[in-house]
Amino acid sequence: MLQVLKSQLGDSMKSVRSFLQKPIKLDDGNLSFGVSAQSQRERAREELRLRTRRMRRDLYDLLGQHP
């Protein structure tokens, strides 16, 4: 019984800790929770991939016009 209680409290503390580690934004008096640093890095990485793909495609098209 005591182990179950400890387990539940431990899980609750982990949840609270992860909740408190998320950035909080205050925009025009509205409180909102921001994205985590990991999500920002993943989003930036994906944007870089898309930009690189577009540049490669544009370069391919340009080189195709001038053989």
PDB file of N, CA and C in Angstrom:
ATOM      1  N   MET A   1       0.829  -1.200   0.000  1.00  0.00           N
ATOM      2  CA  MET A   1       0.000   0.000   0.000  1.00  0.00           C
ATOM      3  C   MET A   1       0.867   1.255   0.000  1.00  0.00           C
ATOM      4  N   LEU A   2       1.895   1.246   0.838  1.00  0.00           N
ATOM      5  CA  LEU A   2       2.785   2.395   0.926  1.00  0.00           C
ATOM      6  C   LEU A   2       3.557   2.591  -0.381  1.00  0.00           C
ATOM      7  N   GLN A   3       3.956   1.491  -1.027  1.00  0.00           N
ATOM      8  CA  GLN A   3       4.680   1.579  -2.293  1.00  0.00           C
ATOM      9  C   GLN A   3       3.789   2.184  -3.389  1.00  0.00           C
ATOM     10  N   VAL A   4       2.533   1.814  -3.397  1.00  0.00           N
ATOM     11  CA  VAL A   4       1.595   2.349  -4.379  1.00  0.00           C
ATOM     12  C   VAL A   4       1.451   3.853  -4.191  1.00  0.00           C
ATOM     13  N   LEU A   5       1.319   4.282  -2.957  1.00  0.00           N
ATOM     14  CA  LEU A   5       1.204   5.711  -2.658  1.00  0.00           C
ATOM     15  C   LEU A   5       2.470   6.451  -3.090  1.00  0.00           C
ATOM     16  N   LYS A   6       3.643   5.888  -2.785  1.00  0.00           N
ATOM     17  CA  LYS A   6       4.914   6.502  -3.184  1.00  0.00           C
ATOM     18  C   LYS A   6       5.005   6.595  -4.702  1.00  0.00           C
ATOM     19  N   SER A   7       4.578   5.562  -5.382  1.00  0.00           N
ATOM     20  CA  SER A   7       4.624   5.541  -6.839  1.00  0.00           C
ATOM     21  C   SER A   7       3.719   6.620  -7.422  1.00  0.00           C
ATOM     22  N   GLN A   8       2.522   6.738  -6.887  1.00  0.00           N
ATOM     23  CA  GLN A   8       1.585   7.743  -7.379  1.00  0.00           C
ATOM     24  C   GLN A   8       2.089   9.152  -7.104  1.00  0.00           C
ATOM     25  N   LEU A   9       2.675   9.362  -5.935  1.00  0.00           N
ATOM     26  CA  LEU A   9       3.218  10.681  -5.614  1.00  0.00           C
ATOM     27  C   LEU A   9       4.409  11.001  -6.508  1.00  0.00           C
ATOM     28  N   GLY A  10       5.239  10.005  -6.757  1.00  0.00           N
ATOM     29  CA  GLY A  10       6.392  10.215  -7.626  1.00  0.00           C
ATOM     30  C   GLY A  10       5.972  10.584  -9.035  1.00  0.00           C
ATOM     31  N   ASP A  11       4.974   9.880  -9.559  1.00  0.00           N
ATOM     32  CA  ASP A  11       4.469  10.197 -10.898  1.00  0.00           C
ATOM     33  C   ASP A  11       3.848  11.589 -10.932  1.00  0.00           C
ATOM     34  N   SER A  12       3.145  11.949  -9.877  1.00  0.00           N
ATOM     35  CA  SER A  12       2.533  13.277  -9.817  1.00  0.00           C
ATOM     36  C   SER A  12       3.607  14.358  -9.782  1.00  0.00           C
ATOM     37  N   MET A  13       4.664  14.124  -9.035  1.00  0.00           N
ATOM     38  CA  MET A  13       5.746  15.103  -8.948  1.00  0.00           C
ATOM     39  C   MET A  13       6.455  15.255 -10.293  1.00  0.00           C
ATOM     40  N   LYS A  14       6.615  14.150 -11.018  1.00  0.00           N
ATOM     41  CA  LYS A  14       7.235  14.224 -12.351  1.00  0.00           C
ATOM     42  C   LYS A  14       6.362  15.046 -13.285  1.00  0.00           C
ATOM     43  N   SER A  15       5.056  14.848 -13.206  1.00  0.00           N
ATOM     44  CA  SER A  15       4.131  15.599 -14.054  1.00  0.00           C
ATOM     45  C   SER A  15       4.181  17.094 -13.729  1.00  0.00           C
ATOM     46  N   VAL A  16       4.199  17.411 -12.451  1.00  0.00           N
ATOM     47  CA  VAL A  16       4.255  18.812 -12.035  1.00  0.00           C
ATOM     48  C   VAL A  16       5.583  19.423 -12.470  1.00  0.00           C
ATOM     49  N   ARG A  17       6.672  18.693 -12.312  1.00  0.00           N
ATOM     50  CA  ARG A  17       7.988  19.187 -12.702  1.00  0.00           C
ATOM     51  C   ARG A  17       8.039  19.479 -14.203  1.00  0.00           C
ATOM     52  N   SER A  18       7.534  18.558 -15.021  1.00  0.00           N
ATOM     53  CA  SER A  18       7.551  18.776 -16.470  1.00  0.00           C
ATOM     54  C   SER A  18       6.636  19.937 -16.857  1.00  0.00           C
ATOM     55  N   PHE A  19       5.536  20.099 -16.142  1.00  0.00           N
ATOM     56  CA  PHE A  19       4.627  21.214 -16.393  1.00  0.00           C
ATOM     57  C   PHE A  19       5.299  22.545 -16.084  1.00  0.00           C
ATOM     58  N   LEU A  20       6.025  22.598 -14.977  1.00  0.00           N
ATOM     59  CA  LEU A  20       6.657  23.844 -14.565  1.00  0.00           C
ATOM     60  C   LEU A  20       7.872  24.194 -15.409  1.00  0.00           C
ATOM     61  N   GLN A  21       8.417  23.245 -16.121  1.00  0.00           N
ATOM     62  CA  GLN A  21       9.590  23.518 -16.946  1.00  0.00           C
ATOM     63  C   GLN A  21       9.225  24.100 -18.308  1.00  0.00           C
ATOM     64  N   LYS A  22       7.957  24.094 -18.655  1.00  0.00           N
ATOM     65  CA  LYS A  22       7.526  24.659 -19.926  1.00  0.00           C
ATOM     66  C   LYS A  22       7.553  26.179 -19.838  1.00  0.00           C
ATOM     67  N   PRO A  23       8.007  26.843 -20.907  1.00  0.00           N
ATOM     68  CA  PRO A  23       8.032  28.304 -20.881  1.00  0.00           C
ATOM     69  C   PRO A  23       6.617  28.888 -20.884  1.00  0.00           C
ATOM     70  N   ILE A  24       6.475  30.014 -20.239  1.00  0.00           N
ATOM     71  CA  ILE A  24       5.185  30.700 -20.162  1.00  0.00           C
ATOM     72  C   ILE A  24       5.330  32.031 -20.888  1.00  0.00           C
ATOM     73  N   LYS A  25       4.357  32.364 -21.726  1.00  0.00           N
ATOM     74  CA  LYS A  25       4.384  33.620 -22.475  1.00  0.00           C
ATOM     75  C   LYS A  25       3.251  34.512 -21.999  1.00  0.00           C
ATOM     76  N   LEU A  26       3.525  35.782 -21.970  1.00  0.00           N
ATOM     77  CA  LEU A  26       2.510  36.764 -21.625  1.00  0.00           C
ATOM     78  C   LEU A  26       2.419  37.748 -22.777  1.00  0.00           C
ATOM     79  N   ASP A  27       1.374  37.629 -23.588  1.00  0.00           N
ATOM     80  CA  ASP A  27       1.177  38.490 -24.747  1.00  0.00           C
ATOM     81  C   ASP A  27      -0.099  39.299 -24.574  1.00  0.00           C
ATOM     82  N   ASP A  28       0.052  40.597 -24.496  1.00  0.00           N
ATOM     83  CA  ASP A  28      -1.102  41.500 -24.360  1.00  0.00           C
ATOM     84  C   ASP A  28      -2.005  41.097 -23.201  1.00  0.00           C
ATOM     85  N   GLY A  29      -1.408  40.694 -22.122  1.00  0.00           N
ATOM     86  CA  GLY A  29      -2.174  40.319 -20.942  1.00  0.00           C
ATOM     87  C   GLY A  29      -2.728  38.912 -20.972  1.00  0.00           C
ATOM     88  N   ASN A  30      -2.484  38.171 -22.058  1.00  0.00           N
ATOM     89  CA  ASN A  30      -2.951  36.792 -22.154  1.00  0.00           C
ATOM     90  C   ASN A  30      -1.820  35.850 -21.793  1.00  0.00           C
ATOM     91  N   LEU A  31      -2.088  34.972 -20.881  1.00  0.00           N
ATOM     92  CA  LEU A  31      -1.099  34.002 -20.424  1.00  0.00           C
ATOM     93  C   LEU A  31      -1.224  32.735 -21.264  1.00  0.00           C
ATOM     94  N   SER A  32      -0.111  32.301 -21.843  1.00  0.00           N
ATOM     95  CA  SER A  32      -0.142  31.078 -22.635  1.00  0.00           C
ATOM     96  C   SER A  32       1.147  30.309 -22.393  1.00  0.00           C
ATOM     97  N   PHE A  33       1.063  29.012 -22.548  1.00  0.00           N
ATOM     98  CA  PHE A  33       2.231  28.175 -22.368  1.00  0.00           C
ATOM     99  C   PHE A  33       2.939  28.031 -23.698  1.00  0.00           C
ATOM    100  N   GLY A  34       4.215  28.286 -23.684  1.00  0.00           N
ATOM    101  CA  GLY A  34       5.009  28.206 -24.899  1.00  0.00           C
ATOM    102  C   GLY A  34       5.407  26.779 -25.209  1.00  0.00           C
ATOM    103  N   VAL A  35       6.117  26.648 -26.294  1.00  0.00           N
ATOM    104  CA  VAL A  35       6.601  25.337 -26.697  1.00  0.00           C
ATOM    105  C   VAL A  35       7.915  25.073 -25.995  1.00  0.00           C
ATOM    106  N   SER A  36       8.233  23.816 -25.835  1.00  0.00           N
ATOM    107  CA  SER A  36       9.473  23.458 -25.170  1.00  0.00           C
ATOM    108  C   SER A  36      10.658  23.753 -26.074  1.00  0.00           C
ATOM    109  N   ALA A  37      11.831  23.798 -25.501  1.00  0.00           N
ATOM    110  CA  ALA A  37      13.048  24.060 -26.275  1.00  0.00           C
ATOM    111  C   ALA A  37      13.267  22.964 -27.307  1.00  0.00           C
ATOM    112  N   GLN A  38      12.939  21.737 -26.945  1.00  0.00           N
ATOM    113  CA  GLN A  38      13.104  20.629 -27.888  1.00  0.00           C
ATOM    114  C   GLN A  38      12.180  20.804 -29.093  1.00  0.00           C
ATOM    115  N   SER A  39      10.957  21.217 -28.860  1.00  0.00           N
ATOM    116  CA  SER A  39      10.024  21.443 -29.961  1.00  0.00           C
ATOM    117  C   SER A  39      10.509  22.579 -30.857  1.00  0.00           C
ATOM    118  N   GLN A  40      11.062  23.620 -30.254  1.00  0.00           N
ATOM    119  CA  GLN A  40      11.592  24.717 -31.047  1.00  0.00           C
ATOM    120  C   GLN A  40      12.751  24.249 -31.914  1.00  0.00           C
ATOM    121  N   ARG A  41      13.632  23.430 -31.364  1.00  0.00           N
ATOM    122  CA  ARG A  41      14.760  22.910 -32.140  1.00  0.00           C
ATOM    123  C   ARG A  41      14.277  22.036 -33.278  1.00  0.00           C
ATOM    124  N   GLU A  42      13.299  21.172 -33.008  1.00  0.00           N
ATOM    125  CA  GLU A  42      12.755  20.305 -34.055  1.00  0.00           C
ATOM    126  C   GLU A  42      12.105  21.126 -35.161  1.00  0.00           C
ATOM    127  N   ARG A  43      11.368  22.163 -34.783  1.00  0.00           N
ATOM    128  CA  ARG A  43      10.722  23.024 -35.764  1.00  0.00           C
ATOM    129  C   ARG A  43      11.773  23.765 -36.602  1.00  0.00           C
ATOM    130  N   ALA A  44      12.813  24.267 -35.957  1.00  0.00           N
ATOM    131  CA  ALA A  44      13.874  24.962 -36.686  1.00  0.00           C
ATOM    132  C   ALA A  44      14.592  24.011 -37.635  1.00  0.00           C
ATOM    133  N   ARG A  45      14.827  22.792 -37.189  1.00  0.00           N
ATOM    134  CA  ARG A  45      15.480  21.794 -38.036  1.00  0.00           C
ATOM    135  C   ARG A  45      14.622  21.473 -39.259  1.00  0.00           C
ATOM    136  N   GLU A  46      13.328  21.334 -39.060  1.00  0.00           N
ATOM    137  CA  GLU A  46      12.425  21.035 -40.172  1.00  0.00           C
ATOM    138  C   GLU A  46      12.355  22.202 -41.155  1.00  0.00           C
ATOM    139  N   GLU A  47      12.326  23.424 -40.637  1.00  0.00           N
ATOM    140  CA  GLU A  47      12.320  24.595 -41.520  1.00  0.00           C
ATOM    141  C   GLU A  47      13.602  24.658 -42.341  1.00  0.00           C
ATOM    142  N   LEU A  48      14.730  24.329 -41.732  1.00  0.00           N
ATOM    143  CA  LEU A  48      16.002  24.314 -42.448  1.00  0.00           C
ATOM    144  C   LEU A  48      15.988  23.259 -43.546  1.00  0.00           C
ATOM    145  N   ARG A  49      15.446  22.091 -43.251  1.00  0.00           N
ATOM    146  CA  ARG A  49      15.333  21.030 -44.266  1.00  0.00           C
ATOM    147  C   ARG A  49      14.485  21.487 -45.448  1.00  0.00           C
ATOM    148  N   LEU A  50      13.346  22.110 -45.162  1.00  0.00           N
ATOM    149  CA  LEU A  50      12.463  22.579 -46.233  1.00  0.00           C
ATOM    150  C   LEU A  50      13.145  23.658 -47.076  1.00  0.00           C
ATOM    151  N   ARG A  51      13.826  24.588 -46.408  1.00  0.00           N
ATOM    152  CA  ARG A  51      14.527  25.640 -47.122  1.00  0.00           C
ATOM    153  C   ARG A  51      15.617  25.059 -48.022  1.00  0.00           C
ATOM    154  N   THR A  52      16.333  24.074 -47.511  1.00  0.00           N
ATOM    155  CA  THR A  52      17.389  23.426 -48.290  1.00  0.00           C
ATOM    156  C   THR A  52      16.804  22.711 -49.498  1.00  0.00           C
ATOM    157  N   ARG A  53      15.691  22.016 -49.315  1.00  0.00           N
ATOM    158  CA  ARG A  53      15.038  21.332 -50.438  1.00  0.00           C
ATOM    159  C   ARG A  53      14.610  22.326 -51.517  1.00  0.00           C
ATOM    160  N   ARG A  54      14.039  23.467 -51.090  1.00  0.00           N
ATOM    161  CA  ARG A  54      13.615  24.484 -52.056  1.00  0.00           C
ATOM    162  C   ARG A  54      14.815  25.044 -52.820  1.00  0.00           C
ATOM    163  N   MET A  55      15.911  25.314 -52.088  1.00  0.00           N
ATOM    164  CA  MET A  55      17.096  25.846 -52.755  1.00  0.00           C
ATOM    165  C   MET A  55      17.656  24.843 -53.767  1.00  0.00           C
ATOM    166  N   ARG A  56      17.694  23.575 -53.396  1.00  0.00           N
ATOM    167  CA  ARG A  56      18.194  22.552 -54.313  1.00  0.00           C
ATOM    168  C   ARG A  56      17.309  22.443 -55.550  1.00  0.00           C
ATOM    169  N   ARG A  57      15.996  22.484 -55.345  1.00  0.00           N
ATOM    170  CA  ARG A  57      15.071  22.402 -56.465  1.00  0.00           C
ATOM    171  C   ARG A  57      15.229  23.610 -57.389  1.00  0.00           C
ATOM    172  N   ASP A  58      15.364  24.802 -56.796  1.00  0.00           N
ATOM    173  CA  ASP A  58      15.559  26.008 -57.603  1.00  0.00           C
ATOM    174  C   ASP A  58      16.880  25.945 -58.368  1.00  0.00           C
ATOM    175  N   LEU A  59      17.922  25.463 -57.735  1.00  0.00           N
ATOM    176  CA  LEU A  59      19.215  25.333 -58.405  1.00  0.00           C
ATOM    177  C   LEU A  59      19.137  24.320 -59.537  1.00  0.00           C
ATOM    178  N   TYR A  60      18.449  23.224 -59.321  1.00  0.00           N
ATOM    179  CA  TYR A  60      18.265  22.211 -60.354  1.00  0.00           C
ATOM    180  C   TYR A  60      17.530  22.802 -61.551  1.00  0.00           C
ATOM    181  N   ASP A  61      16.474  23.555 -61.285  1.00  0.00           N
ATOM    182  CA  ASP A  61      15.717  24.198 -62.359  1.00  0.00           C
ATOM    183  C   ASP A  61      16.573  25.213 -63.108  1.00  0.00           C
ATOM    184  N   LEU A  62      17.358  25.985 -62.380  1.00  0.00           N
ATOM    185  CA  LEU A  62      18.217  26.977 -63.001  1.00  0.00           C
ATOM    186  C   LEU A  62      19.284  26.329 -63.883  1.00  0.00           C
ATOM    187  N   LEU A  63      19.905  25.278 -63.378  1.00  0.00           N
ATOM    188  CA  LEU A  63      20.925  24.595 -64.166  1.00  0.00           C
ATOM    189  C   LEU A  63      20.309  23.875 -65.362  1.00  0.00           C
ATOM    190  N   GLY A  64      19.074  23.480 -65.263  1.00  0.00           N
ATOM    191  CA  GLY A  64      18.375  22.856 -66.379  1.00  0.00           C
ATOM    192  C   GLY A  64      18.094  23.829 -67.513  1.00  0.00           C
ATOM    193  N   GLN A  65      17.944  25.097 -67.167  1.00  0.00           N
ATOM    194  CA  GLN A  65      17.691  26.120 -68.180  1.00  0.00           C
ATOM    195  C   GLN A  65      18.953  26.475 -68.952  1.00  0.00           C
ATOM    196  N   HIS A  66      20.118  26.291 -68.331  1.00  0.00           N
ATOM    197  CA  HIS A  66      21.392  26.667 -68.948  1.00  0.00           C
ATOM    198  C   HIS A  66      22.341  25.478 -68.965  1.00  0.00           C
ATOM    199  N   PRO A  67      22.154  24.605 -69.933  1.00  0.00           N
ATOM    200  CA  PRO A  67      22.993  23.378 -69.948  1.00  0.00           C
ATOM    201  C   PRO A  67      24.462  23.667 -70.242  1.00  0.00           C
TER     202      PRO A  67
END
